[in-house]
PDB file of N, CA and C in Angstrom:
ATOM      1  N   MET A   1       8.220  10.275  18.723  1.00  0.00           N
ATOM      2  CA  MET A   1       8.482  10.465  17.066  1.00  0.00           C
ATOM      3  C   MET A   1       9.214   9.221  16.361  1.00  0.00           C
ATOM      4  N   ASP A   2       9.873   7.973  17.071  1.00  0.00           N
ATOM      5  CA  ASP A   2      10.258   6.939  16.305  1.00  0.00           C
ATOM      6  C   ASP A   2       8.913   6.016  15.944  1.00  0.00           C
ATOM      7  N   GLU A   3       7.962   6.071  17.114  1.00  0.00           N
ATOM      8  CA  GLU A   3       6.545   5.194  16.767  1.00  0.00           C
ATOM      9  C   GLU A   3       5.963   6.024  15.504  1.00  0.00           C
ATOM     10  N   VAL A   4       6.159   7.328  15.459  1.00  0.00           N
ATOM     11  CA  VAL A   4       5.133   7.814  14.004  1.00  0.00           C
ATOM     12  C   VAL A   4       6.265   7.364  12.809  1.00  0.00           C
ATOM     13  N   PHE A   5       7.706   6.939  12.600  1.00  0.00           N
ATOM     14  CA  PHE A   5       7.997   6.509  11.778  1.00  0.00           C
ATOM     15  C   PHE A   5       7.710   5.449  11.428  1.00  0.00           C
ATOM     16  N   SER A   6       7.953   4.951  12.317  1.00  0.00           N
ATOM     17  CA  SER A   6       7.617   3.016  12.509  1.00  0.00           C
ATOM     18  C   SER A   6       6.217   2.611  11.690  1.00  0.00           C
ATOM     19  N   GLN A   7       5.364   3.530  12.153  1.00  0.00           N
ATOM     20  CA  GLN A   7       3.643   3.429  12.020  1.00  0.00           C
ATOM     21  C   GLN A   7       3.609   4.044  10.420  1.00  0.00           C
ATOM     22  N   ILE A   8       4.455   4.763   9.685  1.00  0.00           N
ATOM     23  CA  ILE A   8       4.860   4.748   8.389  1.00  0.00           C
ATOM     24  C   ILE A   8       5.530   4.114   7.546  1.00  0.00           C
ATOM     25  N   ALA A   9       6.363   3.368   8.163  1.00  0.00           N
ATOM     26  CA  ALA A   9       6.661   2.124   7.528  1.00  0.00           C
ATOM     27  C   ALA A   9       6.136   1.422   7.697  1.00  0.00           C
ATOM     28  N   ASN A  10       5.492   0.465   8.652  1.00  0.00           N
ATOM     29  CA  ASN A  10       4.437  -0.407   8.169  1.00  0.00           C
ATOM     30  C   ASN A  10       3.635  -0.241   7.218  1.00  0.00           C
ATOM     31  N   LEU A  11       2.786   0.918   7.523  1.00  0.00           N
ATOM     32  CA  LEU A  11       1.559   1.542   6.654  1.00  0.00           C
ATOM     33  C   LEU A  11       2.105   1.859   5.397  1.00  0.00           C
ATOM     34  N   GLY A  12       3.496   2.164   5.118  1.00  0.00           N
ATOM     35  CA  GLY A  12       3.698   2.894   4.111  1.00  0.00           C
ATOM     36  C   GLY A  12       3.465   1.368   2.644  1.00  0.00           C
ATOM     37  N   PHE A  13       4.071   0.969   3.518  1.00  0.00           N
ATOM     38  CA  PHE A  13       4.511  -0.636   2.559  1.00  0.00           C
ATOM     39  C   PHE A  13       3.455  -1.135   1.850  1.00  0.00           C
ATOM     40  N   PRO A  14       2.184  -1.743   2.694  1.00  0.00           N
ATOM     41  CA  PRO A  14       1.223  -2.435   1.989  1.00  0.00           C
ATOM     42  C   PRO A  14       0.655  -1.228   1.321  1.00  0.00           C
ATOM     43  N   ILE A  15       0.568   0.203   1.363  1.00  0.00           N
ATOM     44  CA  ILE A  15      -0.079   0.995   0.650  1.00  0.00           C
ATOM     45  C   ILE A  15       0.390   0.811  -0.775  1.00  0.00           C
ATOM     46  N   VAL A  16       1.720   0.850  -0.928  1.00  0.00           N
ATOM     47  CA  VAL A  16       2.731   0.660  -2.374  1.00  0.00           C
ATOM     48  C   VAL A  16       2.530  -0.156  -3.046  1.00  0.00           C
ATOM     49  N   ILE A  17       2.453  -1.742  -2.069  1.00  0.00           N
ATOM     50  CA  ILE A  17       2.022  -2.808  -2.669  1.00  0.00           C
ATOM     51  C   ILE A  17       0.529  -2.389  -3.748  1.00  0.00           C
ATOM     52  N   SER A  18      -0.007  -2.741  -2.528  1.00  0.00           N
ATOM     53  CA  SER A  18      -1.386  -2.263  -2.854  1.00  0.00           C
ATOM     54  C   SER A  18      -1.641  -1.295  -4.294  1.00  0.00           C
ATOM     55  N   ILE A  19      -1.497  -0.187  -4.333  1.00  0.00           N
ATOM     56  CA  ILE A  19      -1.416   0.728  -5.554  1.00  0.00           C
ATOM     57  C   ILE A  19      -0.709   0.044  -6.793  1.00  0.00           C
ATOM     58  N   TYR A  20       0.657  -0.431  -6.824  1.00  0.00           N
ATOM     59  CA  TYR A  20       1.162  -1.006  -7.617  1.00  0.00           C
ATOM     60  C   TYR A  20       0.421  -2.380  -8.198  1.00  0.00           C
ATOM     61  N   LEU A  21      -0.378  -2.851  -7.418  1.00  0.00           N
ATOM     62  CA  LEU A  21      -1.119  -4.100  -7.951  1.00  0.00           C
ATOM     63  C   LEU A  21      -2.650  -3.521  -8.834  1.00  0.00           C
ATOM     64  N   LEU A  22      -3.058  -2.547  -7.821  1.00  0.00           N
ATOM     65  CA  LEU A  22      -4.312  -1.926  -8.549  1.00  0.00           C
ATOM     66  C   LEU A  22      -3.653  -1.375  -9.975  1.00  0.00           C
ATOM     67  N   VAL A  23      -2.461  -0.856  -9.996  1.00  0.00           N
ATOM     68  CA  VAL A  23      -2.507  -0.126 -11.698  1.00  0.00           C
ATOM     69  C   VAL A  23      -2.318  -1.224 -12.270  1.00  0.00           C
ATOM     70  N   ARG A  24      -1.543  -2.759 -12.195  1.00  0.00           N
ATOM     71  CA  ARG A  24      -1.169  -3.622 -12.756  1.00  0.00           C
ATOM     72  C   ARG A  24      -2.864  -4.245 -13.580  1.00  0.00           C
ATOM     73  N   ILE A  25      -3.383  -4.643 -12.404  1.00  0.00           N
ATOM     74  CA  ILE A  25      -4.793  -5.025 -12.409  1.00  0.00           C
ATOM     75  C   ILE A  25      -5.415  -4.293 -13.491  1.00  0.00           C
ATOM     76  N   GLU A  26      -5.273  -3.167 -13.401  1.00  0.00           N
ATOM     77  CA  GLU A  26      -6.193  -2.076 -14.601  1.00  0.00           C
ATOM     78  C   GLU A  26      -5.823  -2.513 -15.851  1.00  0.00           C
ATOM     79  N   GLY A  27      -4.759  -2.594 -16.096  1.00  0.00           N
ATOM     80  CA  GLY A  27      -4.092  -2.999 -17.497  1.00  0.00           C
ATOM     81  C   GLY A  27      -4.457  -3.869 -18.305  1.00  0.00           C
ATOM     82  N   LYS A  28      -4.698  -5.014 -17.144  1.00  0.00           N
ATOM     83  CA  LYS A  28      -5.129  -6.524 -17.684  1.00  0.00           C
ATOM     84  C   LYS A  28      -6.574  -6.111 -17.806  1.00  0.00           C
ATOM     85  N   LEU A  29      -7.282  -5.418 -17.158  1.00  0.00           N
ATOM     86  CA  LEU A  29      -8.842  -5.337 -16.882  1.00  0.00           C
ATOM     87  C   LEU A  29      -9.315  -4.799 -18.443  1.00  0.00           C
ATOM     88  N   ASP A  30      -8.281  -3.761 -18.830  1.00  0.00           N
ATOM     89  CA  ASP A  30      -8.706  -2.666 -20.307  1.00  0.00           C
ATOM     90  C   ASP A  30      -8.234  -3.716 -21.417  1.00  0.00           C
ATOM     91  N   GLU A  31      -7.294  -4.515 -20.967  1.00  0.00           N
ATOM     92  CA  GLU A  31      -7.102  -5.578 -22.082  1.00  0.00           C
ATOM     93  C   GLU A  31      -8.096  -6.801 -22.736  1.00  0.00           C
ATOM     94  N   LEU A  32      -8.106  -7.286 -21.048  1.00  0.00           N
ATOM     95  CA  LEU A  32      -9.712  -8.142 -21.372  1.00  0.00           C
ATOM     96  C   LEU A  32     -10.823  -7.525 -21.835  1.00  0.00           C
ATOM     97  N   THR A  33     -11.381  -6.079 -21.315  1.00  0.00           N
ATOM     98  CA  THR A  33     -12.263  -5.677 -22.031  1.00  0.00           C
ATOM     99  C   THR A  33     -12.216  -5.539 -23.611  1.00  0.00           C
ATOM    100  N   LYS A  34     -11.396  -5.295 -24.101  1.00  0.00           N
ATOM    101  CA  LYS A  34     -10.946  -5.013 -25.457  1.00  0.00           C
ATOM    102  C   LYS A  34     -11.431  -6.551 -25.944  1.00  0.00           C
ATOM    103  N   SER A  35     -10.666  -7.678 -25.926  1.00  0.00           N
ATOM    104  CA  SER A  35     -10.868  -8.800 -26.267  1.00  0.00           C
ATOM    105  C   SER A  35     -12.247  -9.328 -26.159  1.00  0.00           C
ATOM    106  N   ILE A  36     -13.096  -8.909 -24.839  1.00  0.00           N
ATOM    107  CA  ILE A  36     -14.615  -9.384 -24.862  1.00  0.00           C
ATOM    108  C   ILE A  36     -15.199  -8.763 -25.772  1.00  0.00           C
ATOM    109  N   ASN A  37     -15.096  -7.124 -25.828  1.00  0.00           N
ATOM    110  CA  ASN A  37     -15.348  -6.399 -27.500  1.00  0.00           C
ATOM    111  C   ASN A  37     -15.122  -7.102 -28.740  1.00  0.00           C
ATOM    112  N   GLU A  38     -14.011  -7.627 -28.732  1.00  0.00           N
ATOM    113  CA  GLU A  38     -13.583  -8.110 -30.276  1.00  0.00           C
ATOM    114  C   GLU A  38     -14.519  -9.554 -30.526  1.00  0.00           C
ATOM    115  N   LEU A  39     -14.728 -10.275 -29.339  1.00  0.00           N
ATOM    116  CA  LEU A  39     -15.326 -11.527 -29.324  1.00  0.00           C
ATOM    117  C   LEU A  39     -16.765 -11.266 -29.295  1.00  0.00           C
ATOM    118  N   SER A  40     -17.443 -10.522 -28.762  1.00  0.00           N
ATOM    119  CA  SER A  40     -19.246  -9.735 -28.875  1.00  0.00           C
ATOM    120  C   SER A  40     -18.985  -9.480 -30.976  1.00  0.00           C
ATOM    121  N   ARG A  41     -18.190  -8.585 -31.358  1.00  0.00           N
ATOM    122  CA  ARG A  41     -18.586  -8.221 -32.747  1.00  0.00           C
ATOM    123  C   ARG A  41     -18.157  -9.564 -33.744  1.00  0.00           C
ATOM    124  N   ALA A  42     -17.482 -10.749 -33.211  1.00  0.00           N
ATOM    125  CA  ALA A  42     -16.979 -11.571 -34.069  1.00  0.00           C
ATOM    126  C   ALA A  42     -18.007 -12.801 -34.005  1.00  0.00           C
ATOM    127  N   ILE A  43     -18.833 -12.914 -32.911  1.00  0.00           N
ATOM    128  CA  ILE A  43     -19.773 -13.397 -32.836  1.00  0.00           C
ATOM    129  C   ILE A  43     -20.761 -12.862 -33.836  1.00  0.00           C
ATOM    130  N   GLY A  44     -20.764 -11.457 -33.138  1.00  0.00           N
ATOM    131  CA  GLY A  44     -22.521 -10.802 -34.201  1.00  0.00           C
ATOM    132  C   GLY A  44     -22.228 -10.848 -35.731  1.00  0.00           C
ATOM    133  N   ASN A  45     -20.948 -11.022 -35.888  1.00  0.00           N
ATOM    134  CA  ASN A  45     -20.858 -11.226 -37.408  1.00  0.00           C
ATOM    135  C   ASN A  45     -21.197 -12.601 -38.237  1.00  0.00           C
ATOM    136  N   MET A  46     -20.643 -13.511 -37.059  1.00  0.00           N
ATOM    137  CA  MET A  46     -21.643 -14.914 -37.944  1.00  0.00           C
ATOM    138  C   MET A  46     -23.212 -14.777 -37.863  1.00  0.00           C
ATOM    139  N   GLU A  47     -24.082 -14.220 -37.361  1.00  0.00           N
ATOM    140  CA  GLU A  47     -25.043 -14.328 -37.477  1.00  0.00           C
ATOM    141  C   GLU A  47     -25.694 -14.155 -38.839  1.00  0.00           C
TER     142      GLU A  47
END
């Protein structure tokens, strides 16, 4: 039983960190996408 808890502890931490980082990166990617779209519109208006 201790082995099972040890495996959960060892595997749970990396999973939690991975999910946290993915959520953070997703927000930044959304902002980057908006910025790229705004830049495209600005360049399109210059022509």
